[in-house]
Amino acid sequence: MLFLTLQSSAKGIPPALAELRQTVATQLQPPTGFQQELASQAEEGGLISPGDWSEGSEKWTHAWSAICQVLPCLLLHARLYCTI
């Protein structure tokens, strides 16, 4: 059904994607330990300075917001091209 919805929308953001984006932006919370693990890996890889993504920091809030903006597209892509 989701695939049909996307095909029928020739312009703009497909309704299913818009709804998914809204849900993710307002309701998704990082799983326990996610922030610490992601920050650790980003620091180890030289992507951020130590402490940049400490929990509750403005930089972490921006990083989580960016993750939430990309996640619906990744989920949609997985739904369209992967079978479970």
N, C-alpha and C. Protein backbone atom coordinates (compact mmCIF):
# COMPACT_ATOMS: atom_id res chain seq x y z
N MET A 1 0.82 -1.20 0.00
CA MET A 1 0.00 0.00 0.00
C MET A 1 0.85 1.26 0.00
N LEU A 2 1.93 1.25 0.78
CA LEU A 2 2.80 2.40 0.84
C LEU A 2 3.39 2.70 -0.52
N PHE A 3 3.78 1.66 -1.25
CA PHE A 3 4.35 1.84 -2.58
C PHE A 3 3.35 2.50 -3.51
N LEU A 4 2.10 2.09 -3.44
CA LEU A 4 1.07 2.69 -4.29
C LEU A 4 0.86 4.15 -3.95
N THR A 5 0.89 4.48 -2.67
CA THR A 5 0.74 5.87 -2.25
C THR A 5 1.87 6.72 -2.83
N LEU A 6 3.08 6.20 -2.79
CA LEU A 6 4.22 6.95 -3.30
C LEU A 6 4.15 7.11 -4.81
N GLN A 7 3.72 6.09 -5.51
CA GLN A 7 3.64 6.17 -6.96
C GLN A 7 2.59 7.19 -7.39
N SER A 8 1.51 7.29 -6.66
CA SER A 8 0.43 8.16 -7.06
C SER A 8 0.72 9.63 -6.80
N SER A 9 1.74 9.93 -6.00
CA SER A 9 2.08 11.31 -5.70
C SER A 9 3.21 11.77 -6.62
N ALA A 10 2.86 12.53 -7.65
CA ALA A 10 3.85 12.96 -8.63
C ALA A 10 4.61 14.21 -8.18
N LYS A 11 4.02 15.01 -7.31
CA LYS A 11 4.63 16.27 -6.88
C LYS A 11 4.72 16.33 -5.36
N GLY A 12 5.72 17.04 -4.88
CA GLY A 12 5.82 17.28 -3.44
C GLY A 12 6.21 16.04 -2.66
N ILE A 13 6.05 16.15 -1.38
CA ILE A 13 6.38 15.05 -0.47
C ILE A 13 5.21 14.08 -0.42
N PRO A 14 5.46 12.79 -0.66
CA PRO A 14 4.38 11.81 -0.57
C PRO A 14 3.74 11.84 0.82
N PRO A 15 2.43 11.67 0.91
CA PRO A 15 1.75 11.73 2.20
C PRO A 15 2.33 10.76 3.24
N ALA A 16 2.70 9.56 2.80
CA ALA A 16 3.24 8.58 3.75
C ALA A 16 4.56 9.07 4.34
N LEU A 17 5.40 9.70 3.52
CA LEU A 17 6.67 10.21 4.01
C LEU A 17 6.46 11.40 4.94
N ALA A 18 5.55 12.27 4.60
CA ALA A 18 5.25 13.42 5.45
C ALA A 18 4.76 12.97 6.83
N GLU A 19 3.89 11.97 6.85
CA GLU A 19 3.38 11.45 8.12
C GLU A 19 4.49 10.80 8.93
N LEU A 20 5.34 10.04 8.27
CA LEU A 20 6.46 9.38 8.95
C LEU A 20 7.43 10.41 9.51
N ARG A 21 7.72 11.45 8.74
CA ARG A 21 8.60 12.51 9.22
C ARG A 21 8.04 13.18 10.48
N GLN A 22 6.75 13.46 10.48
CA GLN A 22 6.11 14.10 11.63
C GLN A 22 6.18 13.22 12.87
N THR A 23 5.92 11.94 12.69
CA THR A 23 5.95 11.00 13.81
C THR A 23 7.36 10.90 14.39
N VAL A 24 8.34 10.77 13.52
CA VAL A 24 9.73 10.66 13.98
C VAL A 24 10.16 11.94 14.69
N ALA A 25 9.84 13.09 14.11
CA ALA A 25 10.28 14.36 14.68
C ALA A 25 9.67 14.64 16.05
N THR A 26 8.46 14.15 16.29
CA THR A 26 7.78 14.50 17.54
C THR A 26 7.79 13.39 18.59
N GLN A 27 8.02 12.14 18.18
CA GLN A 27 7.87 11.05 19.13
C GLN A 27 9.10 10.18 19.34
N LEU A 28 10.03 10.18 18.42
CA LEU A 28 11.18 9.29 18.51
C LEU A 28 12.18 9.78 19.55
N GLN A 29 12.62 8.89 20.40
CA GLN A 29 13.65 9.17 21.39
C GLN A 29 14.80 8.19 21.15
N PRO A 30 16.04 8.63 21.38
CA PRO A 30 17.16 7.70 21.17
C PRO A 30 17.10 6.55 22.17
N PRO A 31 17.42 5.35 21.70
CA PRO A 31 17.45 4.20 22.61
C PRO A 31 18.52 4.39 23.69
N THR A 32 18.35 3.74 24.79
CA THR A 32 19.31 3.80 25.89
C THR A 32 20.70 3.45 25.38
N GLY A 33 21.65 4.29 25.67
CA GLY A 33 23.03 4.05 25.29
C GLY A 33 23.40 4.50 23.88
N PHE A 34 22.41 4.85 23.07
CA PHE A 34 22.66 5.23 21.68
C PHE A 34 23.54 6.47 21.59
N GLN A 35 23.19 7.49 22.35
CA GLN A 35 23.93 8.75 22.30
C GLN A 35 25.38 8.51 22.69
N GLN A 36 25.60 7.77 23.76
CA GLN A 36 26.96 7.54 24.23
C GLN A 36 27.77 6.75 23.21
N GLU A 37 27.18 5.73 22.63
CA GLU A 37 27.88 4.90 21.65
C GLU A 37 28.17 5.68 20.37
N LEU A 38 27.20 6.44 19.89
CA LEU A 38 27.41 7.22 18.68
C LEU A 38 28.47 8.29 18.90
N ALA A 39 28.41 8.98 20.04
CA ALA A 39 29.41 10.00 20.36
C ALA A 39 30.80 9.37 20.47
N SER A 40 30.89 8.22 21.10
CA SER A 40 32.17 7.53 21.24
C SER A 40 32.76 7.19 19.87
N GLN A 41 31.94 6.65 18.99
CA GLN A 41 32.41 6.28 17.65
C GLN A 41 32.79 7.52 16.83
N ALA A 42 32.01 8.58 16.94
CA ALA A 42 32.31 9.81 16.21
C ALA A 42 33.60 10.45 16.71
N GLU A 43 33.82 10.41 18.02
CA GLU A 43 35.07 10.93 18.59
C GLU A 43 36.25 10.09 18.12
N GLU A 44 36.09 8.78 18.18
CA GLU A 44 37.16 7.86 17.79
C GLU A 44 37.52 8.04 16.32
N GLY A 45 36.53 8.34 15.50
CA GLY A 45 36.76 8.54 14.08
C GLY A 45 37.21 9.95 13.72
N GLY A 46 37.32 10.82 14.73
CA GLY A 46 37.78 12.18 14.50
C GLY A 46 36.72 13.10 13.89
N LEU A 47 35.46 12.69 13.96
CA LEU A 47 34.38 13.51 13.41
C LEU A 47 33.97 14.65 14.33
N ILE A 48 34.12 14.44 15.62
CA ILE A 48 33.77 15.46 16.61
C ILE A 48 34.85 15.51 17.68
N SER A 49 34.87 16.60 18.42
CA SER A 49 35.80 16.72 19.54
C SER A 49 35.20 16.03 20.76
N PRO A 50 36.06 15.53 21.67
CA PRO A 50 35.53 14.89 22.87
C PRO A 50 34.56 15.82 23.62
N GLY A 51 33.44 15.27 23.98
CA GLY A 51 32.44 16.02 24.73
C GLY A 51 31.46 16.81 23.89
N ASP A 52 31.68 16.88 22.57
CA ASP A 52 30.77 17.66 21.71
C ASP A 52 29.32 17.19 21.82
N TRP A 53 29.15 15.89 21.87
CA TRP A 53 27.79 15.35 21.88
C TRP A 53 27.40 14.83 23.26
N SER A 54 27.79 15.54 24.30
CA SER A 54 27.39 15.10 25.63
C SER A 54 25.87 15.22 25.74
N GLU A 55 25.30 14.30 26.48
CA GLU A 55 23.84 14.24 26.60
C GLU A 55 23.28 15.57 27.09
N GLY A 56 22.28 16.06 26.37
CA GLY A 56 21.64 17.31 26.72
C GLY A 56 22.28 18.55 26.12
N SER A 57 23.45 18.38 25.48
CA SER A 57 24.12 19.53 24.90
C SER A 57 23.40 20.00 23.63
N GLU A 58 23.63 21.23 23.29
CA GLU A 58 23.01 21.79 22.08
C GLU A 58 23.48 21.05 20.83
N LYS A 59 24.76 20.68 20.81
CA LYS A 59 25.30 19.96 19.65
C LYS A 59 24.65 18.59 19.52
N TRP A 60 24.41 17.91 20.66
CA TRP A 60 23.73 16.61 20.59
C TRP A 60 22.29 16.79 20.10
N THR A 61 21.63 17.81 20.58
CA THR A 61 20.26 18.08 20.15
C THR A 61 20.20 18.29 18.64
N HIS A 62 21.16 19.02 18.10
CA HIS A 62 21.21 19.24 16.65
C HIS A 62 21.51 17.93 15.91
N ALA A 63 22.43 17.14 16.45
CA ALA A 63 22.77 15.86 15.82
C ALA A 63 21.55 14.93 15.80
N TRP A 64 20.84 14.84 16.93
CA TRP A 64 19.65 13.98 17.01
C TRP A 64 18.58 14.47 16.04
N SER A 65 18.42 15.77 15.94
CA SER A 65 17.45 16.33 15.01
C SER A 65 17.79 15.95 13.57
N ALA A 66 19.08 16.00 13.22
CA ALA A 66 19.50 15.61 11.87
C ALA A 66 19.24 14.13 11.62
N ILE A 67 19.50 13.30 12.62
CA ILE A 67 19.23 11.86 12.50
C ILE A 67 17.74 11.64 12.25
N CYS A 68 16.91 12.36 12.98
CA CYS A 68 15.46 12.22 12.83
C CYS A 68 14.97 12.71 11.48
N GLN A 69 15.67 13.63 10.85
CA GLN A 69 15.28 14.11 9.54
C GLN A 69 15.62 13.10 8.45
N VAL A 70 16.70 12.36 8.63
CA VAL A 70 17.14 11.39 7.64
C VAL A 70 16.44 10.04 7.82
N LEU A 71 16.13 9.68 9.04
CA LEU A 71 15.59 8.36 9.34
C LEU A 71 14.34 8.00 8.53
N PRO A 72 13.35 8.87 8.37
CA PRO A 72 12.18 8.48 7.58
C PRO A 72 12.53 8.07 6.15
N CYS A 73 13.47 8.75 5.55
CA CYS A 73 13.88 8.40 4.18
C CYS A 73 14.54 7.02 4.16
N LEU A 74 15.36 6.74 5.17
CA LEU A 74 16.00 5.43 5.24
C LEU A 74 14.98 4.33 5.46
N LEU A 75 14.02 4.58 6.34
CA LEU A 75 12.97 3.60 6.59
C LEU A 75 12.12 3.36 5.36
N LEU A 76 11.79 4.43 4.67
CA LEU A 76 10.99 4.32 3.47
C LEU A 76 11.75 3.56 2.40
N HIS A 77 13.02 3.86 2.23
CA HIS A 77 13.85 3.17 1.25
C HIS A 77 13.90 1.68 1.57
N ALA A 78 14.10 1.35 2.84
CA ALA A 78 14.15 -0.06 3.25
C ALA A 78 12.82 -0.75 2.98
N ARG A 79 11.73 -0.06 3.22
CA ARG A 79 10.40 -0.63 3.02
C ARG A 79 10.14 -0.90 1.55
N LEU A 80 10.62 -0.03 0.68
CA LEU A 80 10.36 -0.18 -0.75
C LEU A 80 11.24 -1.23 -1.41
N TYR A 81 12.45 -1.40 -0.93
CA TYR A 81 13.40 -2.25 -1.62
C TYR A 81 13.80 -3.52 -0.89
N CYS A 82 13.33 -3.70 0.32
CA CYS A 82 13.68 -4.90 1.08
C CYS A 82 12.40 -5.67 1.41
N THR A 83 12.52 -6.96 1.38
CA THR A 83 11.41 -7.79 1.81
C THR A 83 11.80 -8.46 3.11
N ILE A 84 10.85 -8.51 4.02
CA ILE A 84 11.11 -9.10 5.34
C ILE A 84 10.49 -10.47 5.40
